[in-house]
Amino acid sequence: MAQIVNLIVTGMKCGGCESNVVGKLTALDGVISASANCKENHVSIEFEPEKIEIDDLEDVIIAAGFGVE
């Protein structure tokens, strides 16, 4: 069953940053969808917890150059 997590992501400054984060997340097996809002420092991710864990999602965001609170 799919789960949705909302994360505070720091360092996103523009639509390009949003696209970068969303692209990295949606490329992962187990991620159904993702959306980002740089003005609110917010990322929402729908994923399958039996395939991927929240820590893995956070690691991808950090590897892309952003922070997760």
N, C-alpha and C. Protein backbone atom coordinates (compact mmCIF):
# COMPACT_ATOMS: atom_id res chain seq x y z
N MET A 1 0.84 -1.18 0.00
CA MET A 1 0.00 0.00 0.00
C MET A 1 0.89 1.25 0.00
N ALA A 2 0.56 2.17 -0.85
CA ALA A 2 1.36 3.39 -1.00
C ALA A 2 1.26 4.26 0.25
N GLN A 3 2.33 5.01 0.47
CA GLN A 3 2.42 5.92 1.61
C GLN A 3 2.89 7.27 1.07
N ILE A 4 2.47 8.34 1.73
CA ILE A 4 2.92 9.68 1.35
C ILE A 4 3.71 10.27 2.51
N VAL A 5 4.86 10.85 2.18
CA VAL A 5 5.68 11.53 3.18
C VAL A 5 5.90 12.96 2.69
N ASN A 6 5.84 13.89 3.61
CA ASN A 6 6.11 15.30 3.32
C ASN A 6 7.38 15.69 4.04
N LEU A 7 8.35 16.19 3.30
CA LEU A 7 9.64 16.54 3.86
C LEU A 7 9.92 18.03 3.70
N ILE A 8 10.64 18.60 4.65
CA ILE A 8 11.16 19.95 4.53
C ILE A 8 12.53 19.82 3.87
N VAL A 9 12.68 20.44 2.71
CA VAL A 9 13.93 20.36 1.95
C VAL A 9 14.49 21.77 1.79
N THR A 10 15.71 21.96 2.26
CA THR A 10 16.34 23.27 2.19
C THR A 10 17.28 23.35 1.00
N GLY A 11 17.47 24.57 0.51
CA GLY A 11 18.42 24.80 -0.57
C GLY A 11 17.79 24.90 -1.94
N MET A 12 16.50 24.61 -2.06
CA MET A 12 15.84 24.76 -3.36
C MET A 12 15.55 26.24 -3.58
N LYS A 13 16.02 26.79 -4.69
CA LYS A 13 15.88 28.22 -4.95
C LYS A 13 14.99 28.54 -6.15
N CYS A 14 14.72 27.55 -7.03
CA CYS A 14 14.00 27.85 -8.27
C CYS A 14 13.31 26.60 -8.80
N GLY A 15 12.63 26.78 -9.90
CA GLY A 15 11.96 25.66 -10.55
C GLY A 15 12.92 24.58 -11.01
N GLY A 16 14.13 24.98 -11.37
CA GLY A 16 15.13 24.00 -11.76
C GLY A 16 15.50 23.09 -10.60
N CYS A 17 15.60 23.67 -9.41
CA CYS A 17 15.88 22.87 -8.21
C CYS A 17 14.73 21.90 -7.95
N GLU A 18 13.51 22.40 -8.09
CA GLU A 18 12.34 21.54 -7.91
C GLU A 18 12.38 20.37 -8.89
N SER A 19 12.66 20.66 -10.15
CA SER A 19 12.72 19.62 -11.18
C SER A 19 13.83 18.61 -10.90
N ASN A 20 14.96 19.10 -10.42
CA ASN A 20 16.08 18.22 -10.08
C ASN A 20 15.67 17.23 -9.00
N VAL A 21 15.08 17.73 -7.93
CA VAL A 21 14.67 16.86 -6.81
C VAL A 21 13.61 15.87 -7.28
N VAL A 22 12.61 16.35 -7.97
CA VAL A 22 11.53 15.47 -8.44
C VAL A 22 12.07 14.41 -9.40
N GLY A 23 12.95 14.81 -10.30
CA GLY A 23 13.53 13.86 -11.24
C GLY A 23 14.33 12.76 -10.57
N LYS A 24 15.14 13.14 -9.58
CA LYS A 24 15.95 12.15 -8.85
C LYS A 24 15.05 11.18 -8.10
N LEU A 25 14.00 11.71 -7.48
CA LEU A 25 13.11 10.85 -6.69
C LEU A 25 12.29 9.92 -7.57
N THR A 26 11.71 10.45 -8.64
CA THR A 26 10.84 9.61 -9.47
C THR A 26 11.61 8.57 -10.26
N ALA A 27 12.92 8.71 -10.34
CA ALA A 27 13.75 7.69 -11.01
C ALA A 27 13.95 6.45 -10.13
N LEU A 28 13.62 6.57 -8.86
CA LEU A 28 13.82 5.45 -7.93
C LEU A 28 12.70 4.43 -8.04
N ASP A 29 13.08 3.15 -7.99
CA ASP A 29 12.09 2.08 -7.95
C ASP A 29 11.33 2.18 -6.63
N GLY A 30 10.04 2.24 -6.70
CA GLY A 30 9.22 2.33 -5.50
C GLY A 30 8.62 3.71 -5.29
N VAL A 31 9.11 4.70 -6.02
CA VAL A 31 8.52 6.04 -5.92
C VAL A 31 7.45 6.17 -7.00
N ILE A 32 6.25 6.48 -6.56
CA ILE A 32 5.11 6.60 -7.47
C ILE A 32 5.05 8.01 -8.05
N SER A 33 5.19 9.01 -7.18
CA SER A 33 5.16 10.40 -7.63
C SER A 33 5.85 11.28 -6.60
N ALA A 34 6.22 12.47 -7.06
CA ALA A 34 6.84 13.44 -6.16
C ALA A 34 6.50 14.84 -6.67
N SER A 35 6.39 15.77 -5.74
CA SER A 35 6.21 17.17 -6.11
C SER A 35 7.03 18.01 -5.15
N ALA A 36 7.50 19.16 -5.64
CA ALA A 36 8.35 20.02 -4.83
C ALA A 36 7.88 21.47 -4.97
N ASN A 37 8.06 22.22 -3.89
CA ASN A 37 7.73 23.64 -3.89
C ASN A 37 8.88 24.37 -3.21
N CYS A 38 9.68 25.11 -3.99
CA CYS A 38 10.86 25.77 -3.44
C CYS A 38 10.49 26.92 -2.51
N LYS A 39 9.37 27.58 -2.75
CA LYS A 39 8.97 28.71 -1.90
C LYS A 39 8.60 28.26 -0.50
N GLU A 40 8.08 27.05 -0.39
CA GLU A 40 7.68 26.51 0.91
C GLU A 40 8.69 25.50 1.46
N ASN A 41 9.78 25.26 0.71
CA ASN A 41 10.78 24.25 1.10
C ASN A 41 10.13 22.90 1.38
N HIS A 42 9.23 22.50 0.51
CA HIS A 42 8.40 21.32 0.75
C HIS A 42 8.52 20.33 -0.40
N VAL A 43 8.66 19.05 -0.05
CA VAL A 43 8.62 17.98 -1.03
C VAL A 43 7.65 16.93 -0.53
N SER A 44 6.73 16.52 -1.38
CA SER A 44 5.78 15.47 -1.07
C SER A 44 6.08 14.28 -1.97
N ILE A 45 6.18 13.09 -1.36
CA ILE A 45 6.57 11.90 -2.11
C ILE A 45 5.58 10.78 -1.81
N GLU A 46 5.01 10.20 -2.87
CA GLU A 46 4.19 9.00 -2.74
C GLU A 46 5.06 7.82 -3.12
N PHE A 47 5.16 6.85 -2.22
CA PHE A 47 6.07 5.73 -2.46
C PHE A 47 5.52 4.44 -1.89
N GLU A 48 6.15 3.34 -2.28
CA GLU A 48 5.79 2.01 -1.80
C GLU A 48 6.80 1.59 -0.72
N PRO A 49 6.39 1.62 0.55
CA PRO A 49 7.34 1.34 1.64
C PRO A 49 7.93 -0.08 1.61
N GLU A 50 7.30 -0.98 0.89
CA GLU A 50 7.87 -2.33 0.79
C GLU A 50 9.03 -2.38 -0.20
N LYS A 51 9.19 -1.30 -1.00
CA LYS A 51 10.28 -1.25 -1.98
C LYS A 51 11.38 -0.26 -1.61
N ILE A 52 11.04 0.79 -0.88
CA ILE A 52 12.01 1.84 -0.57
C ILE A 52 11.65 2.48 0.77
N GLU A 53 12.67 2.90 1.51
CA GLU A 53 12.46 3.49 2.83
C GLU A 53 12.65 5.01 2.77
N ILE A 54 12.08 5.68 3.76
CA ILE A 54 12.18 7.15 3.84
C ILE A 54 13.65 7.58 3.89
N ASP A 55 14.48 6.85 4.60
CA ASP A 55 15.91 7.20 4.67
C ASP A 55 16.55 7.21 3.28
N ASP A 56 16.13 6.29 2.42
CA ASP A 56 16.66 6.24 1.06
C ASP A 56 16.23 7.48 0.27
N LEU A 57 14.99 7.91 0.47
CA LEU A 57 14.49 9.11 -0.19
C LEU A 57 15.29 10.33 0.26
N GLU A 58 15.52 10.43 1.56
CA GLU A 58 16.30 11.55 2.10
C GLU A 58 17.73 11.53 1.56
N ASP A 59 18.32 10.35 1.47
CA ASP A 59 19.70 10.23 0.97
C ASP A 59 19.81 10.73 -0.47
N VAL A 60 18.81 10.46 -1.30
CA VAL A 60 18.83 10.92 -2.70
C VAL A 60 18.74 12.44 -2.76
N ILE A 61 17.91 13.01 -1.92
CA ILE A 61 17.77 14.48 -1.88
C ILE A 61 19.09 15.12 -1.44
N ILE A 62 19.71 14.56 -0.43
CA ILE A 62 20.99 15.08 0.07
C ILE A 62 22.07 14.93 -0.99
N ALA A 63 22.10 13.78 -1.67
CA ALA A 63 23.09 13.55 -2.73
C ALA A 63 22.91 14.54 -3.88
N ALA A 64 21.71 15.05 -4.06
CA ALA A 64 21.44 16.03 -5.12
C ALA A 64 21.86 17.44 -4.70
N GLY A 65 22.33 17.59 -3.45
CA GLY A 65 22.85 18.88 -3.01
C GLY A 65 21.93 19.70 -2.14
N PHE A 66 20.88 19.08 -1.63
CA PHE A 66 19.92 19.79 -0.80
C PHE A 66 19.92 19.23 0.61
N GLY A 67 19.31 19.96 1.53
CA GLY A 67 19.22 19.50 2.91
C GLY A 67 17.83 19.01 3.23
N VAL A 68 17.73 18.11 4.20
CA VAL A 68 16.44 17.60 4.65
C VAL A 68 16.34 17.81 6.15
N GLU A 69 15.26 18.43 6.56
CA GLU A 69 15.04 18.66 8.01
C GLU A 69 14.02 17.70 8.55
